[in-house]
Every structure is written in C-alpha cells, then in structure tokens.
Amino acid sequence: MRMLAKILVLGALLALAGAPPSWAMDLGTAKTQGLVGERPDGYLGAVAAGRADVQALVADINAKRRSHYQTLADKNGTPLSAVEQVVGQKLIARAGPGEYVMTPGGQWVRK
C-alpha cells in the first residue's frame, strides 16, 4: 500500500510540474506510427479513432496550439481563423514523408 501511495504522489507531482508520464506518447512517435496527422485548420487530428492516449495527446496539443494561435491573432489584429489557415498550410507542407495529412476534403493521405 505504501508503494501505491508513493506512485500516486509521484504522478501528481509530475502532473503539477507539467511533465508527461514516461509512458505517455509524444507527438513524434504518434506521427511516425501514423496515429495522428496535420489538418488544414492548423490542428492535429487522430487518423483513426478509439485510442484514449492518442485522443488525449491530440486534445492537449490542440489546446496549446489554439492558445498560441489566439495570441498571434490578437497581436496582429487578424481573425483566429486566418492564423489557423496559414499555420495549417505550413504544417502540412512541413510534414515528413510517410506522415498523414488531411486534404481540404477531409481525407487522410500519407505524404
């Protein structure tokens, strides 16, 4: 029981520090495995639904992206949607060979 308590405390400290658990998937791994891809709206998408860890990664990254995009939009006096579209184009262009990207029609394709 004491070991479980120590593990729970360690997990809470890592969460408070903002560090992902060592077993959490990172973006590079998720892209390499074909689990996520870039969308034209500047956000990350899950290529196939169903995995909780992938959904959590997508949600976390997209929340951070939206916050950053909003900051850029406010700073430059442009609509959020304009920033999302420009960044989306750039992220799709930068995607590596074999990574998934979403077409404007909503289909996932490998680059």
PDB file of N, CA and C in Angstrom:
ATOM      1  N   MET A   1       0.823  -1.190   0.000  1.00  0.00           N
ATOM      2  CA  MET A   1       0.000   0.000   0.000  1.00  0.00           C
ATOM      3  C   MET A   1       0.867   1.255   0.000  1.00  0.00           C
ATOM      4  N   ARG A   2       1.975   1.216   0.740  1.00  0.00           N
ATOM      5  CA  ARG A   2       2.842   2.395   0.787  1.00  0.00           C
ATOM      6  C   ARG A   2       3.434   2.678  -0.585  1.00  0.00           C
ATOM      7  N   MET A   3       3.755   1.621  -1.344  1.00  0.00           N
ATOM      8  CA  MET A   3       4.328   1.798  -2.677  1.00  0.00           C
ATOM      9  C   MET A   3       3.311   2.469  -3.587  1.00  0.00           C
ATOM     10  N   LEU A   4       2.044   2.069  -3.517  1.00  0.00           N
ATOM     11  CA  LEU A   4       0.996   2.671  -4.333  1.00  0.00           C
ATOM     12  C   LEU A   4       0.857   4.147  -3.994  1.00  0.00           C
ATOM     13  N   ALA A   5       0.905   4.483  -2.726  1.00  0.00           N
ATOM     14  CA  ALA A   5       0.806   5.877  -2.312  1.00  0.00           C
ATOM     15  C   ALA A   5       1.969   6.692  -2.866  1.00  0.00           C
ATOM     16  N   LYS A   6       3.171   6.127  -2.841  1.00  0.00           N
ATOM     17  CA  LYS A   6       4.335   6.821  -3.391  1.00  0.00           C
ATOM     18  C   LYS A   6       4.183   7.038  -4.888  1.00  0.00           C
ATOM     19  N   ILE A   7       3.668   6.037  -5.584  1.00  0.00           N
ATOM     20  CA  ILE A   7       3.473   6.168  -7.032  1.00  0.00           C
ATOM     21  C   ILE A   7       2.443   7.251  -7.335  1.00  0.00           C
ATOM     22  N   LEU A   8       1.359   7.280  -6.566  1.00  0.00           N
ATOM     23  CA  LEU A   8       0.332   8.299  -6.776  1.00  0.00           C
ATOM     24  C   LEU A   8       0.872   9.697  -6.503  1.00  0.00           C
ATOM     25  N   VAL A   9       1.665   9.852  -5.471  1.00  0.00           N
ATOM     26  CA  VAL A   9       2.258  11.154  -5.157  1.00  0.00           C
ATOM     27  C   VAL A   9       3.228  11.569  -6.262  1.00  0.00           C
ATOM     28  N   LEU A  10       4.039  10.644  -6.739  1.00  0.00           N
ATOM     29  CA  LEU A  10       4.975  10.954  -7.821  1.00  0.00           C
ATOM     30  C   LEU A  10       4.217  11.372  -9.075  1.00  0.00           C
ATOM     31  N   GLY A  11       3.145  10.648  -9.409  1.00  0.00           N
ATOM     32  CA  GLY A  11       2.335  11.003 -10.577  1.00  0.00           C
ATOM     33  C   GLY A  11       1.731  12.388 -10.443  1.00  0.00           C
ATOM     34  N   ALA A  12       1.254  12.716  -9.246  1.00  0.00           N
ATOM     35  CA  ALA A  12       0.672  14.041  -9.018  1.00  0.00           C
ATOM     36  C   ALA A  12       1.725  15.133  -9.153  1.00  0.00           C
ATOM     37  N   LEU A  13       2.916  14.886  -8.638  1.00  0.00           N
ATOM     38  CA  LEU A  13       3.990  15.874  -8.759  1.00  0.00           C
ATOM     39  C   LEU A  13       4.386  16.089 -10.209  1.00  0.00           C
ATOM     40  N   LEU A  14       4.464  15.002 -10.972  1.00  0.00           N
ATOM     41  CA  LEU A  14       4.791  15.140 -12.391  1.00  0.00           C
ATOM     42  C   LEU A  14       3.709  15.913 -13.124  1.00  0.00           C
ATOM     43  N   ALA A  15       2.457  15.652 -12.803  1.00  0.00           N
ATOM     44  CA  ALA A  15       1.358  16.368 -13.452  1.00  0.00           C
ATOM     45  C   ALA A  15       1.416  17.852 -13.118  1.00  0.00           C
ATOM     46  N   LEU A  16       1.695  18.169 -11.855  1.00  0.00           N
ATOM     47  CA  LEU A  16       1.787  19.570 -11.456  1.00  0.00           C
ATOM     48  C   LEU A  16       2.964  20.266 -12.120  1.00  0.00           C
ATOM     49  N   ALA A  17       4.024  19.534 -12.356  1.00  0.00           N
ATOM     50  CA  ALA A  17       5.207  20.113 -12.986  1.00  0.00           C
ATOM     51  C   ALA A  17       5.030  20.243 -14.494  1.00  0.00           C
ATOM     52  N   GLY A  18       3.968  19.630 -15.024  1.00  0.00           N
ATOM     53  CA  GLY A  18       3.734  19.705 -16.454  1.00  0.00           C
ATOM     54  C   GLY A  18       4.489  18.663 -17.245  1.00  0.00           C
ATOM     55  N   ALA A  19       5.155  17.748 -16.579  1.00  0.00           N
ATOM     56  CA  ALA A  19       5.918  16.714 -17.272  1.00  0.00           C
ATOM     57  C   ALA A  19       4.998  15.548 -17.588  1.00  0.00           C
ATOM     58  N   PRO A  20       5.017  15.069 -18.829  1.00  0.00           N
ATOM     59  CA  PRO A  20       4.183  13.919 -19.143  1.00  0.00           C
ATOM     60  C   PRO A  20       4.766  12.662 -18.505  1.00  0.00           C
ATOM     61  N   PRO A  21       3.912  11.720 -18.163  1.00  0.00           N
ATOM     62  CA  PRO A  21       4.441  10.469 -17.645  1.00  0.00           C
ATOM     63  C   PRO A  21       5.341   9.816 -18.687  1.00  0.00           C
ATOM     64  N   SER A  22       6.290   9.009 -18.225  1.00  0.00           N
ATOM     65  CA  SER A  22       7.242   8.412 -19.152  1.00  0.00           C
ATOM     66  C   SER A  22       6.564   7.479 -20.147  1.00  0.00           C
ATOM     67  N   TRP A  23       5.367   6.976 -19.816  1.00  0.00           N
ATOM     68  CA  TRP A  23       4.677   6.079 -20.731  1.00  0.00           C
ATOM     69  C   TRP A  23       3.772   6.840 -21.703  1.00  0.00           C
ATOM     70  N   ALA A  24       3.659   8.162 -21.571  1.00  0.00           N
ATOM     71  CA  ALA A  24       2.802   8.947 -22.451  1.00  0.00           C
ATOM     72  C   ALA A  24       3.418   9.033 -23.842  1.00  0.00           C
ATOM     73  N   MET A  25       2.554   9.021 -24.828  1.00  0.00           N
ATOM     74  CA  MET A  25       3.008   9.100 -26.218  1.00  0.00           C
ATOM     75  C   MET A  25       3.380  10.541 -26.546  1.00  0.00           C
ATOM     76  N   ASP A  26       4.439  10.728 -27.311  1.00  0.00           N
ATOM     77  CA  ASP A  26       4.804  12.060 -27.745  1.00  0.00           C
ATOM     78  C   ASP A  26       4.367  12.247 -29.197  1.00  0.00           C
ATOM     79  N   LEU A  27       4.378  13.483 -29.647  1.00  0.00           N
ATOM     80  CA  LEU A  27       3.899  13.818 -30.984  1.00  0.00           C
ATOM     81  C   LEU A  27       4.696  13.122 -32.072  1.00  0.00           C
ATOM     82  N   GLY A  28       6.004  13.106 -31.961  1.00  0.00           N
ATOM     83  CA  GLY A  28       6.833  12.471 -32.978  1.00  0.00           C
ATOM     84  C   GLY A  28       6.521  10.998 -33.139  1.00  0.00           C
ATOM     85  N   THR A  29       6.365  10.303 -32.026  1.00  0.00           N
ATOM     86  CA  THR A  29       6.030   8.886 -32.061  1.00  0.00           C
ATOM     87  C   THR A  29       4.662   8.676 -32.700  1.00  0.00           C
ATOM     88  N   ALA A  30       3.704   9.502 -32.304  1.00  0.00           N
ATOM     89  CA  ALA A  30       2.348   9.364 -32.845  1.00  0.00           C
ATOM     90  C   ALA A  30       2.324   9.603 -34.348  1.00  0.00           C
ATOM     91  N   LYS A  31       3.111  10.566 -34.825  1.00  0.00           N
ATOM     92  CA  LYS A  31       3.172  10.824 -36.268  1.00  0.00           C
ATOM     93  C   LYS A  31       3.862   9.679 -36.998  1.00  0.00           C
ATOM     94  N   THR A  32       4.969   9.220 -36.445  1.00  0.00           N
ATOM     95  CA  THR A  32       5.719   8.128 -37.064  1.00  0.00           C
ATOM     96  C   THR A  32       4.876   6.863 -37.164  1.00  0.00           C
ATOM     97  N   GLN A  33       4.064   6.606 -36.163  1.00  0.00           N
ATOM     98  CA  GLN A  33       3.219   5.417 -36.149  1.00  0.00           C
ATOM     99  C   GLN A  33       1.936   5.589 -36.964  1.00  0.00           C
ATOM    100  N   GLY A  34       1.747   6.777 -37.540  1.00  0.00           N
ATOM    101  CA  GLY A  34       0.558   7.016 -38.359  1.00  0.00           C
ATOM    102  C   GLY A  34      -0.722   7.162 -37.563  1.00  0.00           C
ATOM    103  N   LEU A  35      -0.603   7.540 -36.308  1.00  0.00           N
ATOM    104  CA  LEU A  35      -1.775   7.670 -35.451  1.00  0.00           C
ATOM    105  C   LEU A  35      -2.415   9.049 -35.532  1.00  0.00           C
ATOM    106  N   VAL A  36      -1.610  10.064 -35.848  1.00  0.00           N
ATOM    107  CA  VAL A  36      -2.101  11.434 -35.935  1.00  0.00           C
ATOM    108  C   VAL A  36      -1.561  12.088 -37.200  1.00  0.00           C
ATOM    109  N   GLY A  37      -2.212  13.163 -37.587  1.00  0.00           N
ATOM    110  CA  GLY A  37      -1.750  13.907 -38.745  1.00  0.00           C
ATOM    111  C   GLY A  37      -2.169  15.362 -38.647  1.00  0.00           C
ATOM    112  N   GLU A  38      -1.624  16.151 -39.546  1.00  0.00           N
ATOM    113  CA  GLU A  38      -1.922  17.585 -39.574  1.00  0.00           C
ATOM    114  C   GLU A  38      -3.165  17.850 -40.413  1.00  0.00           C
ATOM    115  N   ARG A  39      -3.991  18.767 -39.927  1.00  0.00           N
ATOM    116  CA  ARG A  39      -5.217  19.154 -40.620  1.00  0.00           C
ATOM    117  C   ARG A  39      -5.044  20.533 -41.245  1.00  0.00           C
ATOM    118  N   PRO A  40      -5.831  20.859 -42.266  1.00  0.00           N
ATOM    119  CA  PRO A  40      -5.716  22.169 -42.915  1.00  0.00           C
ATOM    120  C   PRO A  40      -6.056  23.349 -42.002  1.00  0.00           C
ATOM    121  N   ASP A  41      -6.761  23.090 -40.902  1.00  0.00           N
ATOM    122  CA  ASP A  41      -7.133  24.171 -39.992  1.00  0.00           C
ATOM    123  C   ASP A  41      -6.075  24.462 -38.935  1.00  0.00           C
ATOM    124  N   GLY A  42      -4.889  23.830 -39.077  1.00  0.00           N
ATOM    125  CA  GLY A  42      -3.802  24.109 -38.142  1.00  0.00           C
ATOM    126  C   GLY A  42      -3.789  23.255 -36.905  1.00  0.00           C
ATOM    127  N   TYR A  43      -4.687  22.309 -36.837  1.00  0.00           N
ATOM    128  CA  TYR A  43      -4.766  21.462 -35.666  1.00  0.00           C
ATOM    129  C   TYR A  43      -4.388  20.031 -36.010  1.00  0.00           C
ATOM    130  N   LEU A  44      -4.095  19.274 -34.978  1.00  0.00           N
ATOM    131  CA  LEU A  44      -3.740  17.875 -35.098  1.00  0.00           C
ATOM    132  C   LEU A  44      -5.018  17.053 -35.095  1.00  0.00           C
ATOM    133  N   GLY A  45      -5.011  15.945 -35.828  1.00  0.00           N
ATOM    134  CA  GLY A  45      -6.173  15.069 -35.834  1.00  0.00           C
ATOM    135  C   GLY A  45      -5.754  13.630 -35.630  1.00  0.00           C
ATOM    136  N   ALA A  46      -6.651  12.856 -35.034  1.00  0.00           N
ATOM    137  CA  ALA A  46      -6.425  11.414 -34.884  1.00  0.00           C
ATOM    138  C   ALA A  46      -6.820  10.754 -36.196  1.00  0.00           C
ATOM    139  N   VAL A  47      -5.898  10.004 -36.785  1.00  0.00           N
ATOM    140  CA  VAL A  47      -6.168   9.353 -38.060  1.00  0.00           C
ATOM    141  C   VAL A  47      -7.245   8.285 -37.889  1.00  0.00           C
ATOM    142  N   ALA A  48      -7.195   7.545 -36.813  1.00  0.00           N
ATOM    143  CA  ALA A  48      -8.214   6.543 -36.503  1.00  0.00           C
ATOM    144  C   ALA A  48      -8.659   6.752 -35.062  1.00  0.00           C
ATOM    145  N   ALA A  49      -9.943   6.757 -34.864  1.00  0.00           N
ATOM    146  CA  ALA A  49     -10.483   6.983 -33.521  1.00  0.00           C
ATOM    147  C   ALA A  49     -10.335   5.726 -32.664  1.00  0.00           C
ATOM    148  N   GLY A  50     -10.443   5.921 -31.368  1.00  0.00           N
ATOM    149  CA  GLY A  50     -10.503   4.772 -30.496  1.00  0.00           C
ATOM    150  C   GLY A  50      -9.456   4.682 -29.410  1.00  0.00           C
ATOM    151  N   ARG A  51      -8.298   5.262 -29.604  1.00  0.00           N
ATOM    152  CA  ARG A  51      -7.255   5.144 -28.584  1.00  0.00           C
ATOM    153  C   ARG A  51      -7.292   6.346 -27.654  1.00  0.00           C
ATOM    154  N   ALA A  52      -7.473   6.086 -26.384  1.00  0.00           N
ATOM    155  CA  ALA A  52      -7.568   7.162 -25.407  1.00  0.00           C
ATOM    156  C   ALA A  52      -6.279   7.971 -25.318  1.00  0.00           C
ATOM    157  N   ASP A  53      -5.121   7.305 -25.406  1.00  0.00           N
ATOM    158  CA  ASP A  53      -3.861   8.035 -25.301  1.00  0.00           C
ATOM    159  C   ASP A  53      -3.664   8.970 -26.489  1.00  0.00           C
ATOM    160  N   VAL A  54      -4.104   8.548 -27.669  1.00  0.00           N
ATOM    161  CA  VAL A  54      -3.997   9.391 -28.861  1.00  0.00           C
ATOM    162  C   VAL A  54      -4.953  10.572 -28.740  1.00  0.00           C
ATOM    163  N   GLN A  55      -6.170  10.310 -28.295  1.00  0.00           N
ATOM    164  CA  GLN A  55      -7.144  11.389 -28.127  1.00  0.00           C
ATOM    165  C   GLN A  55      -6.654  12.420 -27.106  1.00  0.00           C
ATOM    166  N   ALA A  56      -6.036  11.951 -26.034  1.00  0.00           N
ATOM    167  CA  ALA A  56      -5.505  12.859 -25.013  1.00  0.00           C
ATOM    168  C   ALA A  56      -4.367  13.708 -25.579  1.00  0.00           C
ATOM    169  N   LEU A  57      -3.495  13.095 -26.365  1.00  0.00           N
ATOM    170  CA  LEU A  57      -2.395  13.825 -26.987  1.00  0.00           C
ATOM    171  C   LEU A  57      -2.936  14.892 -27.930  1.00  0.00           C
ATOM    172  N   VAL A  58      -3.884  14.526 -28.773  1.00  0.00           N
ATOM    173  CA  VAL A  58      -4.482  15.460 -29.725  1.00  0.00           C
ATOM    174  C   VAL A  58      -5.136  16.629 -28.981  1.00  0.00           C
ATOM    175  N   ALA A  59      -5.905  16.337 -27.956  1.00  0.00           N
ATOM    176  CA  ALA A  59      -6.580  17.383 -27.188  1.00  0.00           C
ATOM    177  C   ALA A  59      -5.582  18.331 -26.532  1.00  0.00           C
ATOM    178  N   ASP A  60      -4.530  17.773 -25.955  1.00  0.00           N
ATOM    179  CA  ASP A  60      -3.517  18.589 -25.285  1.00  0.00           C
ATOM    180  C   ASP A  60      -2.789  19.502 -26.270  1.00  0.00           C
ATOM    181  N   ILE A  61      -2.348  18.936 -27.370  1.00  0.00           N
ATOM    182  CA  ILE A  61      -1.610  19.730 -28.350  1.00  0.00           C
ATOM    183  C   ILE A  61      -2.517  20.780 -28.975  1.00  0.00           C
ATOM    184  N   ASN A  62      -3.742  20.407 -29.303  1.00  0.00           N
ATOM    185  CA  ASN A  62      -4.646  21.371 -29.929  1.00  0.00           C
ATOM    186  C   ASN A  62      -5.008  22.523 -28.998  1.00  0.00           C
ATOM    187  N   ALA A  63      -5.131  22.254 -27.711  1.00  0.00           N
ATOM    188  CA  ALA A  63      -5.402  23.331 -26.753  1.00  0.00           C
ATOM    189  C   ALA A  63      -4.234  24.311 -26.715  1.00  0.00           C
ATOM    190  N   LYS A  64      -3.019  23.782 -26.727  1.00  0.00           N
ATOM    191  CA  LYS A  64      -1.834  24.637 -26.728  1.00  0.00           C
ATOM    192  C   LYS A  64      -1.728  25.422 -28.034  1.00  0.00           C
ATOM    193  N   ARG A  65      -2.017  24.752 -29.147  1.00  0.00           N
ATOM    194  CA  ARG A  65      -1.969  25.437 -30.439  1.00  0.00           C
ATOM    195  C   ARG A  65      -2.995  26.569 -30.492  1.00  0.00           C
ATOM    196  N   ARG A  66      -4.225  26.278 -30.061  1.00  0.00           N
ATOM    197  CA  ARG A  66      -5.275  27.303 -30.109  1.00  0.00           C
ATOM    198  C   ARG A  66      -4.875  28.528 -29.280  1.00  0.00           C
ATOM    199  N   SER A  67      -4.316  28.287 -28.121  1.00  0.00           N
ATOM    200  CA  SER A  67      -3.882  29.399 -27.277  1.00  0.00           C
ATOM    201  C   SER A  67      -2.808  30.223 -27.986  1.00  0.00           C
ATOM    202  N   HIS A  68      -1.849  29.541 -28.595  1.00  0.00           N
ATOM    203  CA  HIS A  68      -0.780  30.242 -29.319  1.00  0.00           C
ATOM    204  C   HIS A  68      -1.343  30.980 -30.529  1.00  0.00           C
ATOM    205  N   TYR A  69      -2.231  30.340 -31.274  1.00  0.00           N
ATOM    206  CA  TYR A  69      -2.835  30.985 -32.447  1.00  0.00           C
ATOM    207  C   TYR A  69      -3.623  32.227 -32.038  1.00  0.00           C
ATOM    208  N   GLN A  70      -4.348  32.131 -30.924  1.00  0.00           N
ATOM    209  CA  GLN A  70      -5.122  33.281 -30.461  1.00  0.00           C
ATOM    210  C   GLN A  70      -4.212  34.437 -30.087  1.00  0.00           C
ATOM    211  N   THR A  71      -3.089  34.122 -29.453  1.00  0.00           N
ATOM    212  CA  THR A  71      -2.109  35.155 -29.112  1.00  0.00           C
ATOM    213  C   THR A  71      -1.596  35.838 -30.378  1.00  0.00           C
ATOM    214  N   LEU A  72      -1.258  35.036 -31.395  1.00  0.00           N
ATOM    215  CA  LEU A  72      -0.786  35.605 -32.665  1.00  0.00           C
ATOM    216  C   LEU A  72      -1.862  36.447 -33.324  1.00  0.00           C
ATOM    217  N   ALA A  73      -3.092  35.973 -33.315  1.00  0.00           N
ATOM    218  CA  ALA A  73      -4.194  36.717 -33.925  1.00  0.00           C
ATOM    219  C   ALA A  73      -4.403  38.051 -33.213  1.00  0.00           C
ATOM    220  N   ASP A  74      -4.416  38.021 -31.896  1.00  0.00           N
ATOM    221  CA  ASP A  74      -4.590  39.260 -31.121  1.00  0.00           C
ATOM    222  C   ASP A  74      -3.450  40.234 -31.371  1.00  0.00           C
ATOM    223  N   LYS A  75      -2.235  39.718 -31.383  1.00  0.00           N
ATOM    224  CA  LYS A  75      -1.055  40.557 -31.570  1.00  0.00           C
ATOM    225  C   LYS A  75      -1.058  41.244 -32.939  1.00  0.00           C
ATOM    226  N   ASN A  76      -1.546  40.519 -33.957  1.00  0.00           N
ATOM    227  CA  ASN A  76      -1.523  41.048 -35.318  1.00  0.00           C
ATOM    228  C   ASN A  76      -2.860  41.620 -35.781  1.00  0.00           C
ATOM    229  N   GLY A  77      -3.858  41.605 -34.928  1.00  0.00           N
ATOM    230  CA  GLY A  77      -5.158  42.147 -35.284  1.00  0.00           C
ATOM    231  C   GLY A  77      -5.832  41.396 -36.426  1.00  0.00           C
ATOM    232  N   THR A  78      -5.650  40.081 -36.457  1.00  0.00           N
ATOM    233  CA  THR A  78      -6.254  39.255 -37.502  1.00  0.00           C
ATOM    234  C   THR A  78      -7.192  38.239 -36.866  1.00  0.00           C
ATOM    235  N   PRO A  79      -8.141  37.740 -37.638  1.00  0.00           N
ATOM    236  CA  PRO A  79      -9.037  36.724 -37.076  1.00  0.00           C
ATOM    237  C   PRO A  79      -8.292  35.427 -36.775  1.00  0.00           C
ATOM    238  N   LEU A  80      -8.752  34.729 -35.769  1.00  0.00           N
ATOM    239  CA  LEU A  80      -8.173  33.448 -35.398  1.00  0.00           C
ATOM    240  C   LEU A  80      -8.192  32.494 -36.591  1.00  0.00           C
ATOM    241  N   SER A  81      -9.273  32.482 -37.328  1.00  0.00           N
ATOM    242  CA  SER A  81      -9.402  31.561 -38.468  1.00  0.00           C
ATOM    243  C   SER A  81      -8.325  31.794 -39.522  1.00  0.00           C
ATOM    244  N   ALA A  82      -7.886  33.049 -39.689  1.00  0.00           N
ATOM    245  CA  ALA A  82      -6.824  33.345 -40.661  1.00  0.00           C
ATOM    246  C   ALA A  82      -5.501  32.742 -40.199  1.00  0.00           C
ATOM    247  N   VAL A  83      -5.207  32.859 -38.925  1.00  0.00           N
ATOM    248  CA  VAL A  83      -3.977  32.286 -38.380  1.00  0.00           C
ATOM    249  C   VAL A  83      -4.029  30.768 -38.512  1.00  0.00           C
ATOM    250  N   GLU A  84      -5.163  30.168 -38.160  1.00  0.00           N
ATOM    251  CA  GLU A  84      -5.305  28.718 -38.248  1.00  0.00           C
ATOM    252  C   GLU A  84      -5.055  28.224 -39.675  1.00  0.00           C
ATOM    253  N   GLN A  85      -5.609  28.926 -40.650  1.00  0.00           N
ATOM    254  CA  GLN A  85      -5.468  28.505 -42.045  1.00  0.00           C
ATOM    255  C   GLN A  85      -4.024  28.600 -42.513  1.00  0.00           C
ATOM    256  N   VAL A  86      -3.342  29.696 -42.212  1.00  0.00           N
ATOM    257  CA  VAL A  86      -1.952  29.877 -42.638  1.00  0.00           C
ATOM    258  C   VAL A  86      -1.058  28.835 -41.976  1.00  0.00           C
ATOM    259  N   VAL A  87      -1.226  28.645 -40.684  1.00  0.00           N
ATOM    260  CA  VAL A  87      -0.403  27.668 -39.968  1.00  0.00           C
ATOM    261  C   VAL A  87      -0.699  26.260 -40.469  1.00  0.00           C
ATOM    262  N   GLY A  88      -1.966  25.961 -40.728  1.00  0.00           N
ATOM    263  CA  GLY A  88      -2.329  24.652 -41.251  1.00  0.00           C
ATOM    264  C   GLY A  88      -1.613  24.336 -42.554  1.00  0.00           C
ATOM    265  N   GLN A  89      -1.564  25.308 -43.451  1.00  0.00           N
ATOM    266  CA  GLN A  89      -0.860  25.118 -44.722  1.00  0.00           C
ATOM    267  C   GLN A  89       0.622  24.852 -44.487  1.00  0.00           C
ATOM    268  N   LYS A  90       1.208  25.595 -43.572  1.00  0.00           N
ATOM    269  CA  LYS A  90       2.636  25.428 -43.288  1.00  0.00           C
ATOM    270  C   LYS A  90       2.925  24.067 -42.645  1.00  0.00           C
ATOM    271  N   LEU A  91       2.082  23.654 -41.714  1.00  0.00           N
ATOM    272  CA  LEU A  91       2.301  22.362 -41.052  1.00  0.00           C
ATOM    273  C   LEU A  91       2.151  21.205 -42.036  1.00  0.00           C
ATOM    274  N   ILE A  92       1.203  21.300 -42.926  1.00  0.00           N
ATOM    275  CA  ILE A  92       1.023  20.254 -43.942  1.00  0.00           C
ATOM    276  C   ILE A  92       2.225  20.234 -44.887  1.00  0.00           C
ATOM    277  N   ALA A  93       2.701  21.406 -45.274  1.00  0.00           N
ATOM    278  CA  ALA A  93       3.871  21.472 -46.160  1.00  0.00           C
ATOM    279  C   ALA A  93       5.116  20.895 -45.486  1.00  0.00           C
ATOM    280  N   ARG A  94       5.234  21.085 -44.176  1.00  0.00           N
ATOM    281  CA  ARG A  94       6.407  20.599 -43.433  1.00  0.00           C
ATOM    282  C   ARG A  94       6.318  19.135 -43.024  1.00  0.00           C
ATOM    283  N   ALA A  95       5.166  18.522 -43.174  1.00  0.00           N
ATOM    284  CA  ALA A  95       5.007  17.118 -42.761  1.00  0.00           C
ATOM    285  C   ALA A  95       6.005  16.254 -43.518  1.00  0.00           C
ATOM    286  N   GLY A  96       6.570  15.310 -42.823  1.00  0.00           N
ATOM    287  CA  GLY A  96       7.589  14.441 -43.407  1.00  0.00           C
ATOM    288  C   GLY A  96       6.999  13.326 -44.252  1.00  0.00           C
ATOM    289  N   PRO A  97       7.852  12.703 -45.047  1.00  0.00           N
ATOM    290  CA  PRO A  97       7.405  11.569 -45.860  1.00  0.00           C
ATOM    291  C   PRO A  97       6.818  10.465 -44.988  1.00  0.00           C
ATOM    292  N   GLY A  98       5.684   9.955 -45.401  1.00  0.00           N
ATOM    293  CA  GLY A  98       5.026   8.890 -44.652  1.00  0.00           C
ATOM    294  C   GLY A  98       4.075   9.379 -43.577  1.00  0.00           C
ATOM    295  N   GLU A  99       4.109  10.663 -43.261  1.00  0.00           N
ATOM    296  CA  GLU A  99       3.199  11.197 -42.250  1.00  0.00           C
ATOM    297  C   GLU A  99       1.845  11.488 -42.888  1.00  0.00           C
ATOM    298  N   TYR A 100       0.815  11.419 -42.066  1.00  0.00           N
ATOM    299  CA  TYR A 100      -0.532  11.693 -42.549  1.00  0.00           C
ATOM    300  C   TYR A 100      -0.844  13.183 -42.520  1.00  0.00           C
ATOM    301  N   VAL A 101      -1.542  13.630 -43.556  1.00  0.00           N
ATOM    302  CA  VAL A 101      -2.085  14.977 -43.622  1.00  0.00           C
ATOM    303  C   VAL A 101      -3.520  14.860 -44.128  1.00  0.00           C
ATOM    304  N   MET A 102      -4.322  15.811 -43.758  1.00  0.00           N
ATOM    305  CA  MET A 102      -5.715  15.802 -44.180  1.00  0.00           C
ATOM    306  C   MET A 102      -5.890  16.716 -45.378  1.00  0.00           C
ATOM    307  N   THR A 103      -6.589  16.230 -46.387  1.00  0.00           N
ATOM    308  CA  THR A 103      -6.873  17.045 -47.556  1.00  0.00           C
ATOM    309  C   THR A 103      -7.962  18.046 -47.202  1.00  0.00           C
ATOM    310  N   PRO A 104      -8.137  19.104 -48.009  1.00  0.00           N
ATOM    311  CA  PRO A 104      -9.241  20.043 -47.756  1.00  0.00           C
ATOM    312  C   PRO A 104     -10.603  19.350 -47.746  1.00  0.00           C
ATOM    313  N   GLY A 105     -10.713  18.212 -48.424  1.00  0.00           N
ATOM    314  CA  GLY A 105     -11.963  17.467 -48.434  1.00  0.00           C
ATOM    315  C   GLY A 105     -12.167  16.575 -47.222  1.00  0.00           C
ATOM    316  N   GLY A 106     -11.192  16.518 -46.320  1.00  0.00           N
ATOM    317  CA  GLY A 106     -11.320  15.759 -45.090  1.00  0.00           C
ATOM    318  C   GLY A 106     -10.815  14.338 -45.127  1.00  0.00           C
ATOM    319  N   GLN A 107     -10.050  13.980 -46.151  1.00  0.00           N
ATOM    320  CA  GLN A 107      -9.495  12.634 -46.264  1.00  0.00           C
ATOM    321  C   GLN A 107      -8.056  12.601 -45.753  1.00  0.00           C
ATOM    322  N   TRP A 108      -7.699  11.552 -45.024  1.00  0.00           N
ATOM    323  CA  TRP A 108      -6.330  11.370 -44.577  1.00  0.00           C
ATOM    324  C   TRP A 108      -5.527  10.726 -45.695  1.00  0.00           C
ATOM    325  N   VAL A 109      -4.364  11.295 -46.002  1.00  0.00           N
ATOM    326  CA  VAL A 109      -3.451  10.727 -47.009  1.00  0.00           C
ATOM    327  C   VAL A 109      -2.039  10.768 -46.446  1.00  0.00           C
ATOM    328  N   ARG A 110      -1.228   9.808 -46.884  1.00  0.00           N
ATOM    329  CA  ARG A 110       0.195   9.811 -46.495  1.00  0.00           C
ATOM    330  C   ARG A 110       0.961  10.669 -47.477  1.00  0.00           C
ATOM    331  N   LYS A 111       1.880  11.445 -46.955  1.00  0.00           N
ATOM    332  CA  LYS A 111       2.740  12.267 -47.808  1.00  0.00           C
ATOM    333  C   LYS A 111       3.824  11.416 -48.426  1.00  0.00           C
TER     334      LYS A 111
END
